[in-house]
Amino acid sequence: MAINGSNPKKLIEMKRFNLLYIFAVLFLFACKPNIDTPQPSAGGADFTSYIAVGNSLTAGFADGGLYREGQKVAFPNLMAKQMESAGGGEFTSPFFDEQHANGSGYLRLAAINEGSPVLESVTENLAYRDQEQRLIKYTDPIQNLGIPGMRLDLAFYAPFSQANNFFERLLPDGEQTTYFDFVAEHEHTFFSFWLGNNDVLGYATAGGVTTGPTSVLTDQSQFATLYDNFLTALTAGGQKGIVATIPDVTAIPFFTTVTIQALLEGAKAASPENADQIENIFIQDENAVVVGLPPGVRPATDEDLVVLPFMSAGLLGKPNSAGIPYGLHPLNPVEDQYILDKSEASTVQEYVNAYNEIIKNAADKHDLALADVYSYLNEVKGGVLVNGAGVSATFITGGAISLDGIHLTPKGNALIANLMIKAINEKYGAKLSSVDVNHYSGVRFP
């Protein structure tokens, strides 16, 4: 007899089904693999007090300026975040406040006009405190010690602390000190050290023209001595750290975006009626001796590198008082500061290679981790896949280099942070997690 109209046979089948379902679920959970997620650890390092020593790349300089948004994604900040779960302590940067978030000002992409980028300067909410363009002070304790414009040679020259407004900002009024001594005042258990770029970059970006102490090449033997002195001080208490090689300066968009061939094509397009007469771009080269041309003038070749600012200077083809078009005639050649000629480019390569050999030897001597930024960024130049997304050093579209053609985008900073984290893990047996590169942006489009 059915109870409340139910069928006893069906009730028994439902109970069997429920029991089978329960057993199946229990079996699945019992057989579920136990995946061990590595716990973050410092290994043989100690991240309790991490300081970052360096220049603009360490400070988060980007798009031709130092501003809050760029500071926040500087690679040391990204590294320090990963260190937190492995015993890392507080890591403070000298951020500009919200009211003055745009700091020194910077460039942004305003538009793309017929395939050419239109850049504009951000001039609101700047952080200058006087007409001398000295920046608003920040003298609280910090761990990100990156100073835009800092060179290895000038790190031991006290007057530079007042001449460089990014350094002067971090010091009490009127105080003069060397960057070396400034760093030495900061206790630490771990450090990153990325200096030396500007000891060759200043010369290169000035087109090989020496205009002052920031555009000379640091003597190689002096570089070796100063580099060793710095690392000796940083490791005096047995501290661990990581050093980085210098990028291939001639491979950055500052030198690869504007080509001689592109200038020729642009000149012909701008003056089609004279296109058949435009055969060369003429440049100044003090060593040039070409029959039929003035001394120190020659036609440019693909081995001559044009600096990025020439693209927006609007000089090519502009006639002088005698009506001679700029750069298109040997009597009005492109000036030295706009061209890193093939001889100067070769000199730059020589110094970069020498400096990097010194850095690698110093890392071995002091038993430190080494991030080979030179090799890695040469890979990025041609394009790499990161978590399925392409990244390269192509100006604007590549995603790694900011609008000044030299410094890193947020995505570029993430790449460098991961390169350093990998080197730290390998050297010290640490287990720091990598940064999600695709979480960070490249150049922002309007």
Protein backbone atom coordinates (compact mmCIF):
# COMPACT_ATOMS: atom_id res chain seq x y z
CA MET A 1 0.00 0.00 0.00
CA ALA A 2 1.43 3.35 -1.00
CA ILE A 3 1.99 5.93 1.73
CA ASN A 4 0.57 9.37 0.80
CA GLY A 5 0.34 8.18 -2.80
CA SER A 6 4.08 7.35 -3.07
CA ASN A 7 5.52 4.23 -4.65
CA PRO A 8 7.70 2.11 -2.26
CA LYS A 9 9.77 0.77 -5.17
CA LYS A 10 10.61 4.29 -6.33
CA LEU A 11 11.55 5.30 -2.77
CA ILE A 12 14.03 2.41 -2.57
CA GLU A 13 15.56 3.38 -5.98
CA MET A 14 15.92 7.02 -4.89
CA LYS A 15 17.72 5.96 -1.71
CA ARG A 16 20.10 3.79 -3.75
CA PHE A 17 20.77 6.72 -6.11
CA ASN A 18 21.48 9.09 -3.22
CA LEU A 19 23.86 6.60 -1.63
CA LEU A 20 25.68 6.08 -4.93
CA TYR A 21 25.94 9.89 -5.39
CA ILE A 22 27.37 10.34 -1.89
CA PHE A 23 29.92 7.54 -2.42
CA ALA A 24 30.91 9.03 -5.79
CA VAL A 25 31.46 12.47 -4.28
CA LEU A 26 33.48 11.01 -1.41
CA PHE A 27 35.57 9.05 -3.90
CA LEU A 28 36.30 12.13 -5.98
CA PHE A 29 37.39 14.17 -2.96
CA ALA A 30 39.52 11.28 -1.71
CA CYS A 31 41.26 11.06 -5.08
CA LYS A 32 41.69 14.82 -5.59
CA PRO A 33 45.41 15.58 -6.01
CA ASN A 34 47.06 17.62 -3.29
CA ILE A 35 48.86 20.49 -5.10
CA ASP A 36 51.59 22.08 -3.01
CA THR A 37 51.87 25.81 -3.62
CA PRO A 38 55.38 26.93 -2.74
CA GLN A 39 55.39 29.20 0.27
CA PRO A 40 57.23 32.49 -0.27
CA SER A 41 60.57 32.59 1.50
CA ALA A 42 63.71 34.68 1.60
CA GLY A 43 66.08 31.73 1.31
CA GLY A 44 69.58 32.95 2.13
CA ALA A 45 68.56 36.61 1.85
CA ASP A 46 66.93 38.90 4.40
CA PHE A 47 64.30 41.29 3.07
CA THR A 48 63.50 42.89 6.43
CA SER A 49 64.94 46.22 5.32
CA TYR A 50 65.27 46.59 1.55
CA ILE A 51 66.70 49.73 -0.06
CA ALA A 52 66.88 50.54 -3.76
CA VAL A 53 69.94 52.44 -5.01
CA GLY A 54 69.91 53.91 -8.49
CA ASN A 55 68.90 56.64 -10.88
CA SER A 56 65.74 57.57 -12.78
CA LEU A 57 64.95 53.95 -13.62
CA THR A 58 64.88 53.14 -9.91
CA ALA A 59 62.87 56.27 -9.04
CA GLY A 60 60.07 55.53 -11.51
CA PHE A 61 60.85 58.36 -13.93
CA ALA A 62 58.80 57.98 -17.13
CA ASP A 63 57.50 59.95 -20.10
CA GLY A 64 60.17 62.60 -19.60
CA GLY A 65 59.30 63.36 -15.98
CA LEU A 66 58.95 62.18 -12.40
CA TYR A 67 55.33 62.02 -11.30
CA ARG A 68 53.27 60.12 -8.73
CA GLU A 69 51.72 57.55 -11.06
CA GLY A 70 55.14 56.60 -12.43
CA GLN A 71 56.70 56.51 -8.97
CA LYS A 72 54.12 54.01 -7.75
CA VAL A 73 55.02 51.42 -10.38
CA ALA A 74 58.80 51.77 -10.17
CA PHE A 75 60.31 48.29 -10.25
CA PRO A 76 61.62 48.46 -6.62
CA ASN A 77 58.06 49.11 -5.40
CA LEU A 78 56.83 46.07 -7.32
CA MET A 79 59.68 43.95 -5.91
CA ALA A 80 59.08 45.17 -2.35
CA LYS A 81 55.44 44.10 -2.63
CA GLN A 82 56.52 40.56 -3.51
CA MET A 83 59.05 40.61 -0.64
CA GLU A 84 56.35 41.32 1.94
CA SER A 85 55.19 37.71 2.07
CA ALA A 86 58.82 36.60 2.56
CA GLY A 87 59.59 38.77 5.57
CA GLY A 88 59.96 42.08 3.76
CA GLY A 89 59.40 45.18 5.85
CA GLU A 90 58.14 48.65 5.07
CA PHE A 91 59.23 50.15 1.77
CA THR A 92 58.56 53.86 1.38
CA SER A 93 59.06 56.05 -1.68
CA PRO A 94 59.15 59.85 -1.82
CA PHE A 95 55.81 60.12 -3.61
CA PHE A 96 54.49 63.49 -4.66
CA ASP A 97 51.22 64.23 -2.84
CA GLU A 98 47.88 64.18 -4.65
CA GLN A 99 47.74 67.96 -4.96
CA HIS A 100 51.10 67.96 -6.78
CA ALA A 101 50.79 64.52 -8.35
CA ASN A 102 52.28 65.52 -11.69
CA GLY A 103 55.62 66.31 -10.08
CA SER A 104 58.11 67.70 -12.58
CA GLY A 105 55.60 67.40 -15.42
CA TYR A 106 55.65 64.78 -18.16
CA LEU A 107 54.58 63.93 -21.70
CA ARG A 108 51.33 62.30 -22.69
CA LEU A 109 50.00 61.06 -26.01
CA ALA A 110 47.42 63.57 -27.22
CA ALA A 111 46.59 62.05 -30.60
CA ILE A 112 47.79 60.01 -33.54
CA ASN A 113 47.78 62.26 -36.60
CA GLU A 114 48.14 60.42 -39.92
CA GLY A 115 50.17 57.74 -38.21
CA SER A 116 52.41 60.17 -36.32
CA PRO A 117 52.16 60.62 -32.55
CA VAL A 118 51.24 64.04 -31.16
CA LEU A 119 52.72 64.55 -27.70
CA GLU A 120 51.79 67.26 -25.24
CA SER A 121 53.29 68.40 -21.93
CA VAL A 122 51.34 68.00 -18.71
CA THR A 123 51.71 71.29 -16.86
CA GLU A 124 48.98 71.25 -14.20
CA ASN A 125 49.40 70.09 -10.57
CA LEU A 126 53.19 70.36 -10.70
CA ALA A 127 55.38 70.16 -7.60
CA TYR A 128 57.70 73.15 -7.97
CA ARG A 129 58.05 75.31 -4.88
CA ASP A 130 59.74 78.35 -6.45
CA GLN A 131 60.67 80.02 -9.72
CA GLU A 132 64.02 78.23 -9.71
CA GLN A 133 62.00 75.05 -10.28
CA ARG A 134 63.10 73.43 -7.05
CA LEU A 135 60.74 70.65 -6.11
CA ILE A 136 58.63 70.46 -2.95
CA LYS A 137 60.66 68.83 -0.19
CA TYR A 138 60.27 65.25 0.99
CA THR A 139 62.54 64.55 3.96
CA ASP A 140 60.71 61.69 5.69
CA PRO A 141 62.45 58.28 5.87
CA ILE A 142 62.48 56.41 2.55
CA GLN A 143 63.78 53.16 1.13
CA ASN A 144 63.54 53.95 -2.59
CA LEU A 145 66.67 56.06 -3.00
CA GLY A 146 66.54 56.43 -6.78
CA ILE A 147 67.65 59.87 -7.99
CA PRO A 148 66.92 60.83 -11.62
CA GLY A 149 70.12 61.97 -13.32
CA MET A 150 72.42 60.23 -10.83
CA ARG A 151 75.69 58.96 -12.29
CA LEU A 152 78.26 56.75 -10.64
CA ASP A 153 80.96 59.41 -10.86
CA LEU A 154 78.69 62.19 -9.56
CA ALA A 155 77.55 59.96 -6.68
CA PHE A 156 80.84 60.92 -5.00
CA TYR A 157 80.57 64.66 -5.75
CA ALA A 158 78.79 66.60 -3.00
CA PRO A 159 77.86 69.78 -4.99
CA PHE A 160 75.70 67.61 -7.26
CA SER A 161 73.25 67.20 -4.38
CA GLN A 162 72.26 70.85 -4.78
CA ALA A 163 72.58 71.01 -8.57
CA ASN A 164 70.17 68.10 -9.06
CA ASN A 165 66.66 69.18 -8.00
CA PHE A 166 65.50 65.58 -7.53
CA PHE A 167 68.30 65.03 -5.00
CA GLU A 168 67.94 68.47 -3.39
CA ARG A 169 64.27 67.65 -2.74
CA LEU A 170 65.24 64.85 -0.36
CA LEU A 171 67.65 66.90 1.77
CA PRO A 172 67.10 69.50 4.50
CA ASP A 173 67.42 73.08 3.27
CA GLY A 174 70.97 73.95 2.31
CA GLU A 175 72.42 70.51 3.10
CA GLN A 176 75.13 69.28 0.75
CA THR A 177 76.23 65.65 0.68
CA THR A 178 77.35 62.95 -1.70
CA TYR A 179 74.87 60.35 -2.89
CA PHE A 180 77.30 57.73 -1.58
CA ASP A 181 77.03 59.17 1.94
CA PHE A 182 73.26 59.63 1.57
CA VAL A 183 72.87 55.93 0.79
CA ALA A 184 75.27 54.92 3.57
CA GLU A 185 72.96 56.56 6.13
CA HIS A 186 70.21 54.06 5.32
CA GLU A 187 70.43 50.82 7.26
CA HIS A 188 69.49 47.79 5.24
CA THR A 189 69.50 44.01 5.10
CA PHE A 190 69.09 43.81 1.32
CA PHE A 191 69.64 46.17 -1.60
CA SER A 192 69.23 46.57 -5.33
CA PHE A 193 71.92 48.56 -7.12
CA TRP A 194 71.41 49.88 -10.64
CA LEU A 195 73.83 52.71 -11.39
CA GLY A 196 76.01 53.37 -14.42
CA ASN A 197 73.42 53.96 -17.13
CA ASN A 198 73.83 57.73 -17.07
CA ASP A 199 77.62 57.49 -17.21
CA VAL A 200 77.19 56.68 -20.89
CA LEU A 201 73.59 57.70 -21.63
CA GLY A 202 74.26 61.42 -21.11
CA TYR A 203 76.94 61.37 -23.78
CA ALA A 204 74.75 59.38 -26.17
CA THR A 205 71.56 61.45 -25.84
CA ALA A 206 73.60 64.63 -26.40
CA GLY A 207 74.66 63.22 -29.77
CA GLY A 208 78.21 62.72 -28.54
CA VAL A 209 78.51 66.44 -27.79
CA THR A 210 80.00 67.20 -24.37
CA THR A 211 78.12 70.06 -22.76
CA GLY A 212 79.02 69.50 -19.10
CA PRO A 213 79.65 66.86 -16.41
CA THR A 214 76.43 64.98 -17.19
CA SER A 215 77.36 64.36 -20.84
CA VAL A 216 80.89 63.01 -20.47
CA LEU A 217 81.86 59.34 -20.51
CA THR A 218 83.10 58.11 -17.15
CA ASP A 219 86.62 56.73 -17.39
CA GLN A 220 86.45 52.94 -17.31
CA SER A 221 89.07 52.46 -14.60
CA GLN A 222 87.39 55.12 -12.48
CA PHE A 223 84.06 53.38 -13.02
CA ALA A 224 85.53 50.11 -11.74
CA THR A 225 86.98 51.73 -8.62
CA LEU A 226 83.83 53.66 -7.71
CA TYR A 227 81.56 50.68 -8.38
CA ASP A 228 83.63 48.48 -6.09
CA ASN A 229 83.73 51.18 -3.40
CA PHE A 230 79.95 51.42 -3.44
CA LEU A 231 79.39 47.67 -3.19
CA THR A 232 82.01 47.34 -0.48
CA ALA A 233 80.06 49.84 1.62
CA LEU A 234 76.68 48.25 0.90
CA THR A 235 77.90 44.77 1.89
CA ALA A 236 80.04 45.84 4.88
CA GLY A 237 77.67 44.16 7.33
CA GLY A 238 77.28 40.99 5.30
CA GLN A 239 74.18 42.23 3.49
CA LYS A 240 72.94 40.53 0.35
CA GLY A 241 71.76 42.29 -2.76
CA ILE A 242 71.38 42.40 -6.51
CA VAL A 243 73.12 44.49 -9.17
CA ALA A 244 72.05 45.06 -12.77
CA THR A 245 73.90 45.52 -16.03
CA ILE A 246 73.48 48.57 -18.24
CA PRO A 247 71.07 48.34 -21.20
CA ASP A 248 72.23 48.60 -24.78
CA VAL A 249 71.83 52.36 -25.04
CA THR A 250 71.76 52.38 -28.84
CA ALA A 251 68.88 49.87 -28.89
CA ILE A 252 66.30 52.06 -27.13
CA PRO A 253 63.55 53.92 -29.06
CA PHE A 254 65.33 57.22 -28.41
CA PHE A 255 67.80 56.13 -31.11
CA THR A 256 65.84 53.62 -33.19
CA THR A 257 62.57 55.43 -33.95
CA VAL A 258 63.74 58.17 -36.31
CA THR A 259 65.79 56.66 -39.14
CA ILE A 260 67.71 58.28 -41.96
CA GLN A 261 65.56 56.46 -44.51
CA ALA A 262 62.37 57.73 -42.85
CA LEU A 263 63.71 61.29 -42.92
CA LEU A 264 64.46 61.02 -46.63
CA GLU A 265 61.01 59.68 -47.40
CA GLY A 266 59.41 62.38 -45.28
CA ALA A 267 61.39 65.12 -47.01
CA LYS A 268 60.37 63.85 -50.43
CA ALA A 269 56.73 63.60 -49.40
CA ALA A 270 56.81 67.15 -48.03
CA SER A 271 58.31 68.52 -51.25
CA PRO A 272 57.21 66.24 -54.13
CA GLU A 273 58.23 68.79 -56.74
CA ASN A 274 61.85 68.46 -55.55
CA ALA A 275 61.75 64.77 -54.67
CA ASP A 276 64.13 63.72 -57.44
CA GLN A 277 66.75 66.15 -56.10
CA ILE A 278 66.61 64.87 -52.50
CA GLU A 279 69.18 62.09 -52.32
CA ASN A 280 70.87 62.48 -48.93
CA ILE A 281 70.54 63.75 -45.40
CA PHE A 282 73.70 65.73 -44.64
CA ILE A 283 75.11 65.75 -41.12
CA GLN A 284 77.94 67.32 -39.18
CA ASP A 285 80.82 64.94 -38.42
CA GLU A 286 84.03 66.58 -37.28
CA ASN A 287 86.09 63.68 -38.63
CA ALA A 288 84.48 63.67 -42.07
CA VAL A 289 86.54 64.45 -45.17
CA VAL A 290 84.47 64.01 -48.33
CA VAL A 291 85.60 65.27 -51.72
CA GLY A 292 83.33 68.05 -52.89
CA LEU A 293 81.81 68.70 -49.48
CA PRO A 294 82.77 71.18 -46.73
CA PRO A 295 85.13 69.79 -44.04
CA GLY A 296 83.23 68.04 -41.24
CA VAL A 297 80.14 67.35 -43.37
CA ARG A 298 79.06 64.08 -44.99
CA PRO A 299 75.96 62.20 -46.12
CA ALA A 300 74.33 60.20 -43.31
CA THR A 301 74.15 56.40 -43.40
CA ASP A 302 71.93 53.84 -41.71
CA GLU A 303 74.65 53.44 -39.07
CA ASP A 304 74.09 57.01 -37.88
CA LEU A 305 71.46 57.26 -35.15
CA VAL A 306 69.01 60.16 -35.03
CA VAL A 307 67.81 61.22 -31.56
CA LEU A 308 64.07 61.06 -30.92
CA PRO A 309 63.57 64.82 -30.24
CA PHE A 310 64.51 65.54 -33.86
CA MET A 311 61.14 64.07 -34.85
CA SER A 312 59.26 66.93 -33.20
CA ALA A 313 61.84 69.67 -33.76
CA GLY A 314 60.44 70.50 -37.20
CA LEU A 315 63.86 71.41 -38.56
CA LEU A 316 64.30 69.14 -41.56
CA GLY A 317 63.99 71.12 -44.80
CA LYS A 318 63.57 74.45 -43.01
CA PRO A 319 65.54 77.07 -44.97
CA ASN A 320 68.13 79.26 -43.29
CA SER A 321 68.62 82.97 -44.04
CA ALA A 322 70.29 82.01 -47.32
CA GLY A 323 67.33 79.84 -48.32
CA ILE A 324 69.27 76.56 -47.93
CA PRO A 325 67.08 73.72 -46.53
CA TYR A 326 68.19 72.25 -43.22
CA GLY A 327 69.70 68.79 -43.50
CA LEU A 328 69.08 68.50 -47.22
CA HIS A 329 72.12 70.46 -48.38
CA PRO A 330 75.78 70.18 -47.26
CA LEU A 331 75.86 73.92 -46.50
CA ASN A 332 73.14 73.50 -43.84
CA PRO A 333 73.72 70.06 -42.29
CA VAL A 334 71.94 68.47 -39.31
CA GLU A 335 73.84 69.53 -36.19
CA ASP A 336 75.89 67.19 -34.03
CA GLN A 337 73.50 67.12 -31.08
CA TYR A 338 70.78 65.49 -33.18
CA ILE A 339 72.96 62.65 -34.49
CA LEU A 340 74.90 59.96 -32.71
CA ASP A 341 77.12 59.16 -35.65
CA LYS A 342 78.45 55.68 -36.33
CA SER A 343 81.81 56.44 -34.69
CA GLU A 344 80.17 57.83 -31.57
CA ALA A 345 77.73 54.90 -31.47
CA SER A 346 80.68 52.53 -31.61
CA THR A 347 82.28 54.36 -28.68
CA VAL A 348 79.03 54.06 -26.71
CA GLN A 349 78.93 50.32 -27.34
CA GLU A 350 82.55 50.00 -26.23
CA TYR A 351 81.84 51.75 -22.92
CA VAL A 352 78.61 49.87 -22.26
CA ASN A 353 80.39 46.54 -22.79
CA ALA A 354 83.28 47.62 -20.56
CA TYR A 355 80.97 48.83 -17.79
CA ASN A 356 78.97 45.60 -17.92
CA GLU A 357 82.10 43.51 -17.63
CA ILE A 358 83.03 45.55 -14.55
CA ILE A 359 79.54 45.03 -13.10
CA LYS A 360 79.65 41.28 -13.65
CA ASN A 361 83.09 41.01 -12.05
CA ALA A 362 81.94 43.09 -9.09
CA ALA A 363 78.89 40.85 -8.62
CA ASP A 364 81.18 37.82 -8.50
CA LYS A 365 83.63 39.49 -6.13
CA HIS A 366 80.92 40.51 -3.66
CA ASP A 367 78.85 37.34 -4.16
CA LEU A 368 75.73 39.18 -5.28
CA ALA A 369 72.84 38.32 -7.55
CA LEU A 370 73.09 39.70 -11.09
CA ALA A 371 70.24 40.80 -13.35
CA ASP A 372 71.52 40.92 -16.93
CA VAL A 373 69.30 43.75 -18.13
CA TYR A 374 71.50 44.27 -21.20
CA SER A 375 70.77 40.81 -22.60
CA TYR A 376 67.13 40.80 -21.57
CA LEU A 377 66.18 44.17 -23.06
CA ASN A 378 67.91 43.17 -26.30
CA GLU A 379 65.45 40.25 -26.38
CA VAL A 380 62.55 42.58 -25.62
CA LYS A 381 63.68 44.91 -28.42
CA GLY A 382 62.70 42.31 -31.01
CA GLY A 383 59.54 41.32 -29.13
CA VAL A 384 58.74 38.68 -26.52
CA LEU A 385 55.58 36.93 -25.38
CA VAL A 386 54.67 37.45 -21.73
CA ASN A 387 51.71 35.36 -20.54
CA GLY A 388 50.45 35.28 -24.11
CA ALA A 389 50.78 39.02 -24.73
CA GLY A 390 53.43 40.55 -26.97
CA VAL A 391 55.81 43.19 -25.61
CA SER A 392 58.63 44.98 -27.42
CA ALA A 393 60.76 48.13 -27.33
CA THR A 394 59.01 49.67 -30.34
CA PHE A 395 58.15 53.30 -29.66
CA ILE A 396 54.60 53.73 -28.31
CA THR A 397 53.13 50.45 -29.59
CA GLY A 398 55.68 48.07 -28.05
CA GLY A 399 54.49 48.57 -24.49
CA ALA A 400 57.84 48.46 -22.66
CA ILE A 401 59.30 51.96 -23.14
CA SER A 402 57.58 55.22 -22.24
CA LEU A 403 57.08 58.33 -24.36
CA ASP A 404 60.58 59.71 -23.76
CA GLY A 405 62.02 56.72 -25.61
CA ILE A 406 64.32 55.86 -22.68
CA HIS A 407 62.46 55.02 -19.49
CA LEU A 408 60.08 52.22 -18.67
CA THR A 409 56.30 52.04 -18.79
CA PRO A 410 54.46 50.31 -15.91
CA LYS A 411 54.62 47.11 -17.97
CA GLY A 412 58.35 47.63 -18.56
CA ASN A 413 58.89 48.07 -14.82
CA ALA A 414 57.05 44.80 -14.21
CA LEU A 415 59.37 43.05 -16.68
CA ILE A 416 62.46 44.36 -14.86
CA ALA A 417 61.00 43.46 -11.46
CA ASN A 418 60.51 39.87 -12.64
CA LEU A 419 64.02 39.71 -14.11
CA MET A 420 65.43 40.76 -10.74
CA ILE A 421 63.15 38.46 -8.77
CA LYS A 422 64.27 35.51 -10.92
CA ALA A 423 67.94 36.37 -10.29
CA ILE A 424 67.33 36.76 -6.54
CA ASN A 425 65.54 33.41 -6.36
CA GLU A 426 68.33 31.66 -8.24
CA LYS A 427 71.16 33.23 -6.24
CA TYR A 428 69.76 33.00 -2.73
CA GLY A 429 67.32 30.11 -2.98
CA ALA A 430 64.48 32.51 -2.28
CA LYS A 431 60.90 31.87 -3.37
CA LEU A 432 59.53 35.24 -4.38
CA SER A 433 56.48 35.23 -6.63
CA SER A 434 56.71 36.98 -9.96
CA VAL A 435 54.68 40.05 -10.88
CA ASP A 436 51.68 39.72 -13.19
CA VAL A 437 53.06 41.77 -16.09
CA ASN A 438 49.72 41.93 -17.89
CA HIS A 439 48.24 43.72 -14.91
CA TYR A 440 50.29 46.78 -15.90
CA SER A 441 49.85 49.11 -18.85
CA GLY A 442 52.13 50.24 -21.64
CA VAL A 443 51.80 53.69 -23.22
CA ARG A 444 48.31 55.05 -22.67
CA PHE A 445 46.41 56.03 -25.78
CA PRO A 446 44.02 59.02 -25.82
